[in-house]
């Protein structure tokens, strides 16, 4: 049995840990971007839309689409995500909770 008095993190959440490290917000942004990119990728597969066709529908370059779909690239604008959503026949909804 682990003694909670010896480890101050027992009982805390992973979010608490990330907050203590000062990276919670960055991790949340990255996770959200990855989820959205995965949803776009899935819709492209379901609708048999190639990357080239998707870029054309978005009126953007194939390189910009690759940035959107790349999990390592965190900085994607809402405008780009909105274009991607519309290109696959969906809408992007953002709300404050």
C-alpha atoms as a PDB file:
ATOM      1  CA  UNK A   1       0.000   0.000   0.000  1.00  0.00           C
ATOM      2  CA  UNK A   2       1.281   3.473  -0.912  1.00  0.00           C
ATOM      3  CA  UNK A   3       1.265   6.093   1.800  1.00  0.00           C
ATOM      4  CA  UNK A   4      -0.501   9.229   0.488  1.00  0.00           C
ATOM      5  CA  UNK A   5       1.454  11.430   2.881  1.00  0.00           C
ATOM      6  CA  UNK A   6       4.676  10.424   1.088  1.00  0.00           C
ATOM      7  CA  UNK A   7       3.323  11.274  -2.372  1.00  0.00           C
ATOM      8  CA  UNK A   8       1.382  14.543  -2.697  1.00  0.00           C
ATOM      9  CA  UNK A   9       0.065  13.528  -6.143  1.00  0.00           C
ATOM     10  CA  UNK A  10      -1.979  10.576  -4.945  1.00  0.00           C
ATOM     11  CA  UNK A  11      -5.611  11.438  -5.423  1.00  0.00           C
ATOM     12  CA  UNK A  12      -4.905  14.303  -7.834  1.00  0.00           C
ATOM     13  CA  UNK A  13      -5.968  14.183 -11.458  1.00  0.00           C
ATOM     14  CA  UNK A  14      -3.814  14.140 -14.559  1.00  0.00           C
ATOM     15  CA  UNK A  15      -5.214  17.592 -15.365  1.00  0.00           C
ATOM     16  CA  UNK A  16      -3.936  18.777 -11.986  1.00  0.00           C
ATOM     17  CA  UNK A  17      -0.501  17.389 -12.826  1.00  0.00           C
ATOM     18  CA  UNK A  18      -0.458  19.069 -16.257  1.00  0.00           C
ATOM     19  CA  UNK A  19      -1.583  22.318 -14.621  1.00  0.00           C
ATOM     20  CA  UNK A  20       1.233  22.124 -12.101  1.00  0.00           C
ATOM     21  CA  UNK A  21       3.664  21.626 -14.979  1.00  0.00           C
ATOM     22  CA  UNK A  22       2.197  24.667 -16.741  1.00  0.00           C
ATOM     23  CA  UNK A  23       1.227  22.714 -19.857  1.00  0.00           C
ATOM     24  CA  UNK A  24      -2.469  21.927 -19.376  1.00  0.00           C
ATOM     25  CA  UNK A  25      -3.707  24.518 -21.872  1.00  0.00           C
ATOM     26  CA  UNK A  26      -1.190  23.496 -24.529  1.00  0.00           C
ATOM     27  CA  UNK A  27      -2.109  19.824 -24.090  1.00  0.00           C
ATOM     28  CA  UNK A  28      -5.824  20.599 -24.359  1.00  0.00           C
ATOM     29  CA  UNK A  29      -5.263  22.629 -27.550  1.00  0.00           C
ATOM     30  CA  UNK A  30      -3.160  19.875 -29.084  1.00  0.00           C
ATOM     31  CA  UNK A  31      -5.724  17.203 -28.204  1.00  0.00           C
ATOM     32  CA  UNK A  32      -8.579  19.244 -29.656  1.00  0.00           C
ATOM     33  CA  UNK A  33      -6.651  19.875 -32.871  1.00  0.00           C
ATOM     34  CA  UNK A  34      -5.854  16.159 -33.198  1.00  0.00           C
ATOM     35  CA  UNK A  35      -9.500  15.207 -32.673  1.00  0.00           C
ATOM     36  CA  UNK A  36     -10.699  17.687 -35.288  1.00  0.00           C
ATOM     37  CA  UNK A  37      -8.021  16.606 -37.768  1.00  0.00           C
ATOM     38  CA  UNK A  38      -8.981  12.964 -37.227  1.00  0.00           C
ATOM     39  CA  UNK A  39     -12.651  13.770 -37.845  1.00  0.00           C
ATOM     40  CA  UNK A  40     -11.736  15.534 -41.099  1.00  0.00           C
ATOM     41  CA  UNK A  41      -9.536  12.601 -42.140  1.00  0.00           C
ATOM     42  CA  UNK A  42     -12.341  10.105 -41.367  1.00  0.00           C
ATOM     43  CA  UNK A  43     -14.904  12.100 -43.331  1.00  0.00           C
ATOM     44  CA  UNK A  44     -12.517  12.334 -46.284  1.00  0.00           C
ATOM     45  CA  UNK A  45     -12.116   8.554 -46.231  1.00  0.00           C
ATOM     46  CA  UNK A  46     -15.867   7.924 -45.921  1.00  0.00           C
ATOM     47  CA  UNK A  47     -16.616  10.312 -48.788  1.00  0.00           C
ATOM     48  CA  UNK A  48     -13.671   9.094 -50.898  1.00  0.00           C
ATOM     49  CA  UNK A  49     -12.174  12.596 -51.089  1.00  0.00           C
ATOM     50  CA  UNK A  50      -8.480  12.713 -51.959  1.00  0.00           C
ATOM     51  CA  UNK A  51      -6.158  15.268 -50.411  1.00  0.00           C
ATOM     52  CA  UNK A  52      -5.900  17.066 -53.730  1.00  0.00           C
ATOM     53  CA  UNK A  53      -9.686  17.235 -54.098  1.00  0.00           C
ATOM     54  CA  UNK A  54     -10.061  18.322 -50.487  1.00  0.00           C
ATOM     55  CA  UNK A  55      -7.548  21.150 -50.950  1.00  0.00           C
ATOM     56  CA  UNK A  56      -9.448  22.276 -54.053  1.00  0.00           C
ATOM     57  CA  UNK A  57     -12.763  22.237 -52.157  1.00  0.00           C
ATOM     58  CA  UNK A  58     -11.162  24.306 -49.395  1.00  0.00           C
ATOM     59  CA  UNK A  59      -9.669  26.699 -51.966  1.00  0.00           C
ATOM     60  CA  UNK A  60      -6.276  26.179 -50.394  1.00  0.00           C
ATOM     61  CA  UNK A  61      -3.022  24.407 -51.101  1.00  0.00           C
ATOM     62  CA  UNK A  62      -2.319  20.751 -50.532  1.00  0.00           C
ATOM     63  CA  UNK A  63       0.469  21.885 -48.179  1.00  0.00           C
ATOM     64  CA  UNK A  64      -2.027  23.798 -46.004  1.00  0.00           C
ATOM     65  CA  UNK A  65      -4.262  20.716 -45.865  1.00  0.00           C
ATOM     66  CA  UNK A  66      -1.283  18.588 -44.840  1.00  0.00           C
ATOM     67  CA  UNK A  67      -0.610  21.046 -41.980  1.00  0.00           C
ATOM     68  CA  UNK A  68      -4.226  20.722 -40.867  1.00  0.00           C
ATOM     69  CA  UNK A  69      -4.034  16.916 -40.870  1.00  0.00           C
ATOM     70  CA  UNK A  70      -0.586  16.716 -39.239  1.00  0.00           C
ATOM     71  CA  UNK A  71      -0.885  15.987 -35.495  1.00  0.00           C
ATOM     72  CA  UNK A  72       2.495  17.635 -34.892  1.00  0.00           C
ATOM     73  CA  UNK A  73       1.258  21.009 -36.183  1.00  0.00           C
ATOM     74  CA  UNK A  74      -0.770  22.649 -33.432  1.00  0.00           C
ATOM     75  CA  UNK A  75      -1.350  26.062 -35.000  1.00  0.00           C
ATOM     76  CA  UNK A  76      -4.356  25.781 -37.285  1.00  0.00           C
ATOM     77  CA  UNK A  77      -6.750  28.703 -37.572  1.00  0.00           C
ATOM     78  CA  UNK A  78     -10.483  28.523 -37.032  1.00  0.00           C
ATOM     79  CA  UNK A  79     -10.887  29.793 -40.590  1.00  0.00           C
ATOM     80  CA  UNK A  80      -8.975  26.786 -41.917  1.00  0.00           C
ATOM     81  CA  UNK A  81     -10.953  24.372 -39.749  1.00  0.00           C
ATOM     82  CA  UNK A  82     -14.187  25.993 -40.929  1.00  0.00           C
ATOM     83  CA  UNK A  83     -13.159  25.580 -44.576  1.00  0.00           C
ATOM     84  CA  UNK A  84     -12.330  21.927 -43.938  1.00  0.00           C
ATOM     85  CA  UNK A  85     -15.656  21.297 -42.216  1.00  0.00           C
ATOM     86  CA  UNK A  86     -17.589  22.866 -45.081  1.00  0.00           C
ATOM     87  CA  UNK A  87     -15.582  20.935 -47.661  1.00  0.00           C
ATOM     88  CA  UNK A  88     -16.772  17.669 -46.091  1.00  0.00           C
ATOM     89  CA  UNK A  89     -20.351  18.885 -45.695  1.00  0.00           C
ATOM     90  CA  UNK A  90     -20.196  19.662 -41.995  1.00  0.00           C
ATOM     91  CA  UNK A  91     -20.095  22.710 -39.758  1.00  0.00           C
ATOM     92  CA  UNK A  92     -17.569  23.668 -37.133  1.00  0.00           C
ATOM     93  CA  UNK A  93     -19.162  24.644 -33.821  1.00  0.00           C
ATOM     94  CA  UNK A  94     -17.155  26.434 -31.149  1.00  0.00           C
ATOM     95  CA  UNK A  95     -18.627  27.438 -27.819  1.00  0.00           C
ATOM     96  CA  UNK A  96     -17.610  28.788 -24.457  1.00  0.00           C
ATOM     97  CA  UNK A  97     -18.650  26.624 -21.534  1.00  0.00           C
END
